Each structure stands twice: as structure tokens, then as C-alpha cells.
Amino acid sequence: MKELQQHIAEYNKQMKLGSIPKTYQKLMKYLMGLRAYFIRQYANEFVIGSFYQGYMDISYFPITPKVLKAQQLKIGLIFNHEKMQFENWLVGQNKQVQKEYWLLCKEQQWDQYPLSSTAQNSIIKHPIIKNPDFEQLDILTKTIEKETLQFITAITNTFPNR
């Protein structure tokens, strides 16, 4: 418990400085706005799931193209806090589906996007924007949209129907 107390002291110090809470709030506001943007633009093409704020590790929302929904697959639009980057993940609806598709990709030596080292959290993790520029949010949003749509197209072409 002493280690936790040391972390709490550092956490308290950082919270009092004020930068982390303000930045986190603005980041969450942007990510929720990004989800709303995808809903407005793609409501007829994709099912956009709920926003998951996370534990300052990752924040994300799922995007499910109709063709992938039938296969119990979805795309995660991820913000990785530690790496400070946006990523697209291919994930299963549950761990069993995820492992099945991960093994399928591994057996077929699929190399279009990097396969996750294990099926624990995802099938594929693909970084789309490293060190994003939050000063120009419109450009950032358009870049995320473009990269995510390319990823979705590649995945849906690879797994059209099983």
C-alpha cells in the first residue's frame, strides 16, 4: 500500500498543477465530438457504439460496418494515451470470436496490417496518426476519417462474408 500512497501523492501534485485535468477534459470533449461526427456522417453505413473513456490508457468507440456485424467483428477507433496516437483496431464481439479471427489471420499469414501479438485485446492494431496536432481539429478529424475509412475498406474487402 505504500507504493499506492506514493502514487497518490504524485497524482495529487499533478492534479493541483491543473494541466492534466484540463487537457483530459478537452481531449474527452474532442473524442466525443469525433464520435458524433461519425454518427452524423455515417449513420446509414455503420453502427457507431458508445464512447468508452477508459482509465487514461485508451479511449475509444466502436464502428461496425454492416458486413462485419454479421461476422461479429467491429472496428475500434482508439486514442492510445500512453503512445499519444490514434489507432484502428479490428476486434471481435467477444473473446472467442476474436481468437478465431486472430488465428485465421495468423494461419493465412495476413500481412496487410500488423497482427496483434496475441488475441487478448484485438486482432489487428494499426496506428493511424502518431503525435496528433490538436491545434487544427478540423484537419485532424478529416485525417482520422480518411485513415479509418481506408482501414474499414481493407478489412471489409478481406472479410466480405464467411
N, C-alpha and C. Protein backbone atom coordinates (compact mmCIF):
# COMPACT_ATOMS: atom_id res chain seq x y z
N MET A 1 0.81 -1.19 0.00
CA MET A 1 0.00 0.00 0.00
C MET A 1 0.85 1.26 0.00
N LYS A 2 2.10 1.14 0.46
CA LYS A 2 2.97 2.30 0.49
C LYS A 2 3.20 2.82 -0.94
N GLU A 3 3.33 1.89 -1.88
CA GLU A 3 3.52 2.29 -3.28
C GLU A 3 2.31 3.07 -3.79
N LEU A 4 1.12 2.62 -3.44
CA LEU A 4 -0.09 3.34 -3.84
C LEU A 4 -0.08 4.74 -3.25
N GLN A 5 0.31 4.86 -1.99
CA GLN A 5 0.33 6.17 -1.35
C GLN A 5 1.31 7.11 -2.06
N GLN A 6 2.45 6.58 -2.50
CA GLN A 6 3.41 7.41 -3.24
C GLN A 6 2.80 7.87 -4.57
N HIS A 7 2.09 6.97 -5.23
CA HIS A 7 1.44 7.35 -6.49
C HIS A 7 0.34 8.38 -6.25
N ILE A 8 -0.39 8.22 -5.16
CA ILE A 8 -1.45 9.18 -4.82
C ILE A 8 -0.84 10.56 -4.58
N ALA A 9 0.28 10.61 -3.90
CA ALA A 9 0.94 11.90 -3.65
C ALA A 9 1.33 12.57 -4.97
N GLU A 10 1.89 11.80 -5.89
CA GLU A 10 2.26 12.36 -7.20
C GLU A 10 1.02 12.76 -7.99
N TYR A 11 0.00 11.94 -7.93
CA TYR A 11 -1.27 12.24 -8.60
C TYR A 11 -1.85 13.55 -8.07
N ASN A 12 -1.87 13.70 -6.76
CA ASN A 12 -2.39 14.91 -6.14
C ASN A 12 -1.58 16.13 -6.58
N LYS A 13 -0.28 15.98 -6.62
CA LYS A 13 0.60 17.08 -7.05
C LYS A 13 0.27 17.50 -8.49
N GLN A 14 0.13 16.52 -9.37
CA GLN A 14 -0.17 16.81 -10.77
C GLN A 14 -1.57 17.41 -10.93
N MET A 15 -2.52 16.93 -10.16
CA MET A 15 -3.88 17.48 -10.23
C MET A 15 -3.90 18.95 -9.80
N LYS A 16 -3.12 19.28 -8.79
CA LYS A 16 -3.06 20.66 -8.32
C LYS A 16 -2.41 21.58 -9.35
N LEU A 17 -1.49 21.05 -10.14
CA LEU A 17 -0.89 21.87 -11.20
C LEU A 17 -1.93 22.27 -12.24
N GLY A 18 -2.93 21.40 -12.43
CA GLY A 18 -4.08 21.76 -13.26
C GLY A 18 -4.01 21.41 -14.73
N SER A 19 -2.86 21.17 -15.26
CA SER A 19 -2.74 20.91 -16.70
C SER A 19 -3.38 19.59 -17.11
N ILE A 20 -3.15 18.55 -16.34
CA ILE A 20 -3.67 17.23 -16.70
C ILE A 20 -5.20 17.20 -16.70
N PRO A 21 -5.88 17.68 -15.65
CA PRO A 21 -7.35 17.65 -15.71
C PRO A 21 -7.92 18.46 -16.87
N LYS A 22 -7.37 19.64 -17.11
CA LYS A 22 -7.88 20.48 -18.20
C LYS A 22 -7.65 19.82 -19.55
N THR A 23 -6.46 19.27 -19.74
CA THR A 23 -6.14 18.61 -21.00
C THR A 23 -7.03 17.39 -21.21
N TYR A 24 -7.19 16.59 -20.17
CA TYR A 24 -8.01 15.39 -20.25
C TYR A 24 -9.46 15.73 -20.60
N GLN A 25 -10.00 16.76 -19.96
CA GLN A 25 -11.37 17.18 -20.26
C GLN A 25 -11.52 17.62 -21.71
N LYS A 26 -10.56 18.39 -22.21
CA LYS A 26 -10.63 18.86 -23.60
C LYS A 26 -10.46 17.69 -24.57
N LEU A 27 -9.59 16.76 -24.23
CA LEU A 27 -9.38 15.59 -25.07
C LEU A 27 -10.65 14.74 -25.13
N MET A 28 -11.30 14.52 -24.00
CA MET A 28 -12.54 13.75 -23.98
C MET A 28 -13.63 14.46 -24.77
N LYS A 29 -13.69 15.77 -24.66
CA LYS A 29 -14.67 16.55 -25.43
C LYS A 29 -14.43 16.37 -26.93
N TYR A 30 -13.16 16.40 -27.35
CA TYR A 30 -12.85 16.20 -28.77
C TYR A 30 -13.25 14.79 -29.21
N LEU A 31 -12.90 13.78 -28.42
CA LEU A 31 -13.20 12.40 -28.80
C LEU A 31 -14.71 12.14 -28.88
N MET A 32 -15.46 12.72 -27.96
CA MET A 32 -16.92 12.57 -28.02
C MET A 32 -17.48 13.31 -29.23
N GLY A 33 -16.88 14.44 -29.57
CA GLY A 33 -17.27 15.16 -30.78
C GLY A 33 -16.93 14.38 -32.03
N LEU A 34 -15.79 13.68 -32.01
CA LEU A 34 -15.39 12.84 -33.14
C LEU A 34 -16.41 11.72 -33.35
N ARG A 35 -16.85 11.12 -32.27
CA ARG A 35 -17.89 10.08 -32.35
C ARG A 35 -19.17 10.67 -32.94
N ALA A 36 -19.57 11.84 -32.48
CA ALA A 36 -20.78 12.49 -33.00
C ALA A 36 -20.63 12.79 -34.49
N TYR A 37 -19.44 13.17 -34.91
CA TYR A 37 -19.16 13.42 -36.33
C TYR A 37 -19.38 12.14 -37.15
N PHE A 38 -18.84 11.03 -36.67
CA PHE A 38 -19.02 9.75 -37.39
C PHE A 38 -20.49 9.36 -37.44
N ILE A 39 -21.23 9.61 -36.37
CA ILE A 39 -22.66 9.31 -36.37
C ILE A 39 -23.37 10.14 -37.44
N ARG A 40 -23.07 11.44 -37.48
CA ARG A 40 -23.72 12.32 -38.47
C ARG A 40 -23.38 11.91 -39.90
N GLN A 41 -22.14 11.57 -40.13
CA GLN A 41 -21.68 11.28 -41.49
C GLN A 41 -22.04 9.87 -41.96
N TYR A 42 -22.08 8.90 -41.05
CA TYR A 42 -22.14 7.50 -41.47
C TYR A 42 -23.24 6.68 -40.80
N ALA A 43 -24.29 7.33 -40.33
CA ALA A 43 -25.37 6.62 -39.63
C ALA A 43 -26.01 5.53 -40.49
N ASN A 44 -26.04 5.72 -41.80
CA ASN A 44 -26.66 4.72 -42.68
C ASN A 44 -25.72 3.58 -43.05
N GLU A 45 -24.43 3.77 -42.82
CA GLU A 45 -23.44 2.76 -43.23
C GLU A 45 -22.89 1.94 -42.07
N PHE A 46 -22.77 2.58 -40.92
CA PHE A 46 -22.12 1.94 -39.78
C PHE A 46 -22.98 2.08 -38.53
N VAL A 47 -22.82 1.13 -37.64
CA VAL A 47 -23.36 1.27 -36.29
C VAL A 47 -22.22 1.83 -35.45
N ILE A 48 -22.45 3.00 -34.87
CA ILE A 48 -21.43 3.63 -34.03
C ILE A 48 -21.80 3.36 -32.58
N GLY A 49 -20.92 2.67 -31.87
CA GLY A 49 -21.21 2.29 -30.49
C GLY A 49 -20.93 3.40 -29.49
N SER A 50 -21.10 3.06 -28.24
CA SER A 50 -20.91 4.01 -27.14
C SER A 50 -19.44 4.38 -26.97
N PHE A 51 -19.22 5.55 -26.43
CA PHE A 51 -17.87 6.04 -26.15
C PHE A 51 -17.39 5.45 -24.83
N TYR A 52 -16.18 4.92 -24.84
CA TYR A 52 -15.54 4.37 -23.65
C TYR A 52 -14.39 5.29 -23.28
N GLN A 53 -14.50 5.93 -22.13
CA GLN A 53 -13.50 6.92 -21.72
C GLN A 53 -12.19 6.26 -21.29
N GLY A 54 -12.27 5.12 -20.65
CA GLY A 54 -11.09 4.38 -20.25
C GLY A 54 -10.47 4.87 -18.96
N TYR A 55 -9.29 4.36 -18.67
CA TYR A 55 -8.56 4.65 -17.44
C TYR A 55 -7.26 5.39 -17.74
N MET A 56 -7.33 6.33 -18.65
CA MET A 56 -6.17 7.07 -19.12
C MET A 56 -5.16 6.13 -19.79
N ASP A 57 -5.65 5.00 -20.29
CA ASP A 57 -4.84 4.10 -21.10
C ASP A 57 -5.28 4.23 -22.55
N ILE A 58 -6.53 3.85 -22.80
CA ILE A 58 -7.12 4.06 -24.12
C ILE A 58 -8.53 4.61 -23.94
N SER A 59 -8.95 5.38 -24.91
CA SER A 59 -10.34 5.82 -25.02
C SER A 59 -10.76 5.44 -26.43
N TYR A 60 -12.01 5.02 -26.60
CA TYR A 60 -12.41 4.56 -27.93
C TYR A 60 -13.91 4.52 -28.10
N PHE A 61 -14.30 4.33 -29.37
CA PHE A 61 -15.68 3.96 -29.69
C PHE A 61 -15.63 3.00 -30.86
N PRO A 62 -16.56 2.03 -30.87
CA PRO A 62 -16.59 1.05 -31.96
C PRO A 62 -17.37 1.57 -33.16
N ILE A 63 -16.90 1.18 -34.33
CA ILE A 63 -17.57 1.46 -35.60
C ILE A 63 -17.80 0.10 -36.25
N THR A 64 -19.06 -0.23 -36.50
CA THR A 64 -19.36 -1.56 -37.04
C THR A 64 -20.01 -1.45 -38.40
N PRO A 65 -19.24 -1.74 -39.47
CA PRO A 65 -19.86 -1.84 -40.79
C PRO A 65 -20.83 -3.02 -40.81
N LYS A 66 -21.91 -2.87 -41.55
CA LYS A 66 -22.94 -3.92 -41.58
C LYS A 66 -22.39 -5.28 -41.98
N VAL A 67 -21.47 -5.32 -42.93
CA VAL A 67 -20.90 -6.60 -43.38
C VAL A 67 -20.10 -7.27 -42.26
N LEU A 68 -19.48 -6.48 -41.40
CA LEU A 68 -18.71 -7.06 -40.29
C LEU A 68 -19.61 -7.45 -39.12
N LYS A 69 -20.72 -6.77 -38.96
CA LYS A 69 -21.64 -7.07 -37.86
C LYS A 69 -22.11 -8.52 -37.94
N ALA A 70 -22.42 -8.99 -39.14
CA ALA A 70 -22.87 -10.37 -39.33
C ALA A 70 -21.78 -11.37 -38.95
N GLN A 71 -20.52 -10.93 -39.00
CA GLN A 71 -19.40 -11.80 -38.66
C GLN A 71 -18.91 -11.58 -37.23
N GLN A 72 -19.64 -10.75 -36.50
CA GLN A 72 -19.32 -10.44 -35.11
C GLN A 72 -17.95 -9.76 -34.97
N LEU A 73 -17.66 -8.89 -35.93
CA LEU A 73 -16.42 -8.11 -35.91
C LEU A 73 -16.77 -6.63 -35.89
N LYS A 74 -15.86 -5.83 -35.36
CA LYS A 74 -16.04 -4.38 -35.39
C LYS A 74 -14.68 -3.70 -35.40
N ILE A 75 -14.71 -2.44 -35.76
CA ILE A 75 -13.52 -1.61 -35.80
C ILE A 75 -13.54 -0.71 -34.57
N GLY A 76 -12.43 -0.64 -33.88
CA GLY A 76 -12.31 0.30 -32.76
C GLY A 76 -11.52 1.51 -33.21
N LEU A 77 -12.06 2.69 -32.99
CA LEU A 77 -11.30 3.93 -33.21
C LEU A 77 -10.76 4.32 -31.84
N ILE A 78 -9.46 4.15 -31.69
CA ILE A 78 -8.79 4.20 -30.39
C ILE A 78 -7.92 5.44 -30.27
N PHE A 79 -7.94 6.07 -29.10
CA PHE A 79 -6.88 7.02 -28.76
C PHE A 79 -6.06 6.37 -27.67
N ASN A 80 -4.78 6.13 -27.96
CA ASN A 80 -3.85 5.50 -27.03
C ASN A 80 -3.15 6.62 -26.27
N HIS A 81 -3.48 6.78 -24.99
CA HIS A 81 -2.95 7.89 -24.20
C HIS A 81 -1.45 7.78 -24.00
N GLU A 82 -0.95 6.59 -23.71
CA GLU A 82 0.48 6.42 -23.45
C GLU A 82 1.32 6.70 -24.69
N LYS A 83 0.89 6.18 -25.83
CA LYS A 83 1.64 6.39 -27.07
C LYS A 83 1.29 7.71 -27.75
N MET A 84 0.25 8.38 -27.25
CA MET A 84 -0.22 9.64 -27.81
C MET A 84 -0.45 9.49 -29.31
N GLN A 85 -1.31 8.52 -29.66
CA GLN A 85 -1.61 8.28 -31.06
C GLN A 85 -3.02 7.72 -31.23
N PHE A 86 -3.54 7.92 -32.43
CA PHE A 86 -4.82 7.32 -32.82
C PHE A 86 -4.52 6.00 -33.51
N GLU A 87 -5.38 5.02 -33.27
CA GLU A 87 -5.21 3.69 -33.84
C GLU A 87 -6.56 3.15 -34.30
N ASN A 88 -6.52 2.25 -35.26
CA ASN A 88 -7.69 1.47 -35.63
C ASN A 88 -7.40 0.04 -35.22
N TRP A 89 -8.35 -0.55 -34.54
CA TRP A 89 -8.24 -1.95 -34.12
C TRP A 89 -9.36 -2.74 -34.77
N LEU A 90 -9.05 -3.95 -35.17
CA LEU A 90 -10.07 -4.92 -35.54
C LEU A 90 -10.28 -5.79 -34.32
N VAL A 91 -11.52 -5.87 -33.85
CA VAL A 91 -11.83 -6.64 -32.64
C VAL A 91 -13.04 -7.54 -32.89
N GLY A 92 -13.14 -8.57 -32.09
CA GLY A 92 -14.29 -9.45 -32.14
C GLY A 92 -15.35 -9.00 -31.16
N GLN A 93 -16.56 -9.46 -31.39
CA GLN A 93 -17.67 -9.14 -30.49
C GLN A 93 -17.43 -9.72 -29.09
N ASN A 94 -16.68 -10.82 -29.06
CA ASN A 94 -16.31 -11.42 -27.78
C ASN A 94 -14.94 -12.08 -27.95
N LYS A 95 -14.38 -12.57 -26.86
CA LYS A 95 -13.02 -13.14 -26.89
C LYS A 95 -12.92 -14.37 -27.79
N GLN A 96 -13.96 -15.19 -27.83
CA GLN A 96 -13.94 -16.39 -28.66
C GLN A 96 -13.86 -16.03 -30.14
N VAL A 97 -14.70 -15.11 -30.57
CA VAL A 97 -14.70 -14.66 -31.97
C VAL A 97 -13.36 -14.02 -32.30
N GLN A 98 -12.88 -13.21 -31.38
CA GLN A 98 -11.61 -12.51 -31.59
C GLN A 98 -10.46 -13.51 -31.79
N LYS A 99 -10.41 -14.52 -30.95
CA LYS A 99 -9.34 -15.52 -31.07
C LYS A 99 -9.47 -16.30 -32.37
N GLU A 100 -10.69 -16.63 -32.76
CA GLU A 100 -10.93 -17.37 -34.01
C GLU A 100 -10.39 -16.59 -35.22
N TYR A 101 -10.70 -15.30 -35.29
CA TYR A 101 -10.24 -14.49 -36.42
C TYR A 101 -8.75 -14.21 -36.35
N TRP A 102 -8.24 -14.06 -35.14
CA TRP A 102 -6.80 -13.84 -34.98
C TRP A 102 -6.03 -15.06 -35.49
N LEU A 103 -6.50 -16.26 -35.13
CA LEU A 103 -5.86 -17.50 -35.60
C LEU A 103 -5.98 -17.63 -37.12
N LEU A 104 -7.13 -17.27 -37.66
CA LEU A 104 -7.34 -17.31 -39.11
C LEU A 104 -6.33 -16.41 -39.82
N CYS A 105 -6.18 -15.19 -39.33
CA CYS A 105 -5.23 -14.25 -39.93
C CYS A 105 -3.80 -14.76 -39.80
N LYS A 106 -3.49 -15.32 -38.64
CA LYS A 106 -2.13 -15.83 -38.40
C LYS A 106 -1.84 -17.01 -39.32
N GLU A 107 -2.79 -17.93 -39.46
CA GLU A 107 -2.60 -19.10 -40.32
C GLU A 107 -2.43 -18.70 -41.78
N GLN A 108 -3.16 -17.69 -42.20
CA GLN A 108 -3.08 -17.23 -43.59
C GLN A 108 -1.93 -16.27 -43.81
N GLN A 109 -1.17 -16.00 -42.74
CA GLN A 109 -0.03 -15.08 -42.80
C GLN A 109 -0.42 -13.75 -43.43
N TRP A 110 -1.53 -13.24 -42.99
CA TRP A 110 -2.05 -11.98 -43.50
C TRP A 110 -1.15 -10.86 -43.03
N ASP A 111 -0.68 -10.03 -43.95
CA ASP A 111 0.29 -9.01 -43.57
C ASP A 111 -0.07 -7.60 -44.04
N GLN A 112 -1.32 -7.39 -44.42
CA GLN A 112 -1.71 -6.06 -44.87
C GLN A 112 -1.61 -5.05 -43.72
N TYR A 113 -1.98 -5.46 -42.53
CA TYR A 113 -1.84 -4.66 -41.32
C TYR A 113 -1.22 -5.55 -40.25
N PRO A 114 -0.52 -4.96 -39.29
CA PRO A 114 0.14 -5.79 -38.27
C PRO A 114 -0.86 -6.52 -37.38
N LEU A 115 -0.67 -7.81 -37.30
CA LEU A 115 -1.48 -8.65 -36.42
C LEU A 115 -1.05 -8.38 -34.98
N SER A 116 -1.99 -8.31 -34.07
CA SER A 116 -1.65 -8.14 -32.66
C SER A 116 -0.83 -9.33 -32.20
N SER A 117 0.05 -9.12 -31.23
CA SER A 117 0.92 -10.21 -30.78
C SER A 117 0.12 -11.36 -30.16
N THR A 118 -1.01 -11.04 -29.54
CA THR A 118 -1.94 -12.05 -29.04
C THR A 118 -3.36 -11.58 -29.36
N ALA A 119 -4.31 -12.47 -29.15
CA ALA A 119 -5.72 -12.11 -29.40
C ALA A 119 -6.38 -11.51 -28.16
N GLN A 120 -5.59 -11.18 -27.16
CA GLN A 120 -6.13 -10.71 -25.88
C GLN A 120 -7.03 -9.48 -26.03
N ASN A 121 -6.54 -8.42 -26.69
CA ASN A 121 -7.29 -7.17 -26.79
C ASN A 121 -7.81 -6.86 -28.18
N SER A 122 -7.17 -7.43 -29.19
CA SER A 122 -7.55 -7.12 -30.57
C SER A 122 -6.99 -8.18 -31.51
N ILE A 123 -7.48 -8.12 -32.75
CA ILE A 123 -6.95 -8.98 -33.81
C ILE A 123 -5.83 -8.22 -34.52
N ILE A 124 -6.11 -6.97 -34.83
CA ILE A 124 -5.16 -6.10 -35.52
C ILE A 124 -5.13 -4.76 -34.79
N LYS A 125 -3.94 -4.19 -34.65
CA LYS A 125 -3.76 -2.83 -34.14
C LYS A 125 -2.98 -2.06 -35.19
N HIS A 126 -3.61 -1.01 -35.70
CA HIS A 126 -2.99 -0.23 -36.77
C HIS A 126 -2.91 1.24 -36.37
N PRO A 127 -1.70 1.76 -36.10
CA PRO A 127 -1.58 3.19 -35.79
C PRO A 127 -1.92 4.03 -37.02
N ILE A 128 -2.76 5.04 -36.84
CA ILE A 128 -3.12 5.89 -37.98
C ILE A 128 -2.55 7.30 -37.88
N ILE A 129 -2.41 7.83 -36.67
CA ILE A 129 -1.83 9.16 -36.50
C ILE A 129 -0.99 9.16 -35.23
N LYS A 130 0.31 9.32 -35.40
CA LYS A 130 1.21 9.43 -34.25
C LYS A 130 1.42 10.91 -33.95
N ASN A 131 1.45 11.25 -32.68
CA ASN A 131 1.63 12.64 -32.24
C ASN A 131 0.69 13.60 -32.95
N PRO A 132 -0.62 13.44 -32.78
CA PRO A 132 -1.59 14.28 -33.49
C PRO A 132 -1.47 15.75 -33.10
N ASP A 133 -1.79 16.61 -34.06
CA ASP A 133 -1.79 18.06 -33.85
C ASP A 133 -3.19 18.49 -33.43
N PHE A 134 -3.36 18.80 -32.17
CA PHE A 134 -4.67 19.19 -31.64
C PHE A 134 -4.94 20.68 -31.82
N GLU A 135 -4.05 21.38 -32.48
CA GLU A 135 -4.27 22.80 -32.76
C GLU A 135 -5.20 22.98 -33.96
N GLN A 136 -5.27 21.99 -34.83
CA GLN A 136 -6.09 22.07 -36.04
C GLN A 136 -7.05 20.88 -36.06
N LEU A 137 -8.11 21.00 -35.27
CA LEU A 137 -9.01 19.86 -35.05
C LEU A 137 -9.77 19.44 -36.31
N ASP A 138 -10.11 20.39 -37.18
CA ASP A 138 -10.81 20.02 -38.42
C ASP A 138 -9.94 19.14 -39.29
N ILE A 139 -8.67 19.51 -39.42
CA ILE A 139 -7.73 18.71 -40.22
C ILE A 139 -7.51 17.36 -39.56
N LEU A 140 -7.37 17.35 -38.25
CA LEU A 140 -7.20 16.09 -37.52
C LEU A 140 -8.39 15.17 -37.74
N THR A 141 -9.59 15.71 -37.62
CA THR A 141 -10.81 14.91 -37.82
C THR A 141 -10.86 14.33 -39.22
N LYS A 142 -10.56 15.14 -40.23
CA LYS A 142 -10.59 14.66 -41.62
C LYS A 142 -9.54 13.58 -41.85
N THR A 143 -8.37 13.72 -41.24
CA THR A 143 -7.31 12.72 -41.39
C THR A 143 -7.72 11.41 -40.72
N ILE A 144 -8.28 11.51 -39.53
CA ILE A 144 -8.76 10.31 -38.83
C ILE A 144 -9.84 9.63 -39.66
N GLU A 145 -10.75 10.42 -40.19
CA GLU A 145 -11.83 9.88 -41.02
C GLU A 145 -11.26 9.14 -42.23
N LYS A 146 -10.35 9.78 -42.95
CA LYS A 146 -9.76 9.18 -44.16
C LYS A 146 -9.04 7.87 -43.83
N GLU A 147 -8.20 7.90 -42.81
CA GLU A 147 -7.44 6.70 -42.44
C GLU A 147 -8.36 5.58 -41.95
N THR A 148 -9.37 5.93 -41.19
CA THR A 148 -10.31 4.93 -40.67
C THR A 148 -11.13 4.32 -41.80
N LEU A 149 -11.57 5.13 -42.75
CA LEU A 149 -12.33 4.59 -43.89
C LEU A 149 -11.47 3.67 -44.74
N GLN A 150 -10.19 4.01 -44.92
CA GLN A 150 -9.28 3.12 -45.66
C GLN A 150 -9.13 1.79 -44.93
N PHE A 151 -8.98 1.85 -43.62
CA PHE A 151 -8.86 0.64 -42.82
C PHE A 151 -10.13 -0.21 -42.93
N ILE A 152 -11.28 0.44 -42.80
CA ILE A 152 -12.56 -0.27 -42.90
C ILE A 152 -12.70 -0.93 -44.26
N THR A 153 -12.35 -0.23 -45.32
CA THR A 153 -12.43 -0.79 -46.67
C THR A 153 -11.54 -2.01 -46.81
N ALA A 154 -10.31 -1.92 -46.33
CA ALA A 154 -9.39 -3.05 -46.42
C ALA A 154 -9.91 -4.25 -45.63
N ILE A 155 -10.43 -4.00 -44.45
CA ILE A 155 -10.93 -5.10 -43.62
C ILE A 155 -12.19 -5.72 -44.23
N THR A 156 -13.12 -4.89 -44.69
CA THR A 156 -14.35 -5.44 -45.27
C THR A 156 -14.08 -6.17 -46.58
N ASN A 157 -13.05 -5.75 -47.31
CA ASN A 157 -12.67 -6.49 -48.52
C ASN A 157 -12.02 -7.82 -48.18
N THR A 158 -11.33 -7.87 -47.06
CA THR A 158 -10.67 -9.10 -46.63
C THR A 158 -11.67 -10.09 -46.04
N PHE A 159 -12.66 -9.58 -45.32
CA PHE A 159 -13.67 -10.42 -44.68
C PHE A 159 -15.05 -10.06 -45.20
N PRO A 160 -15.32 -10.21 -46.51
CA PRO A 160 -16.62 -9.77 -47.04
C PRO A 160 -17.78 -10.55 -46.43
N ASN A 161 -17.67 -11.81 -46.33
CA ASN A 161 -18.66 -12.69 -45.68
C ASN A 161 -18.00 -14.04 -45.49
N ARG A 162 -18.34 -14.67 -44.41
CA ARG A 162 -17.78 -16.01 -44.17
C ARG A 162 -18.84 -17.04 -44.32
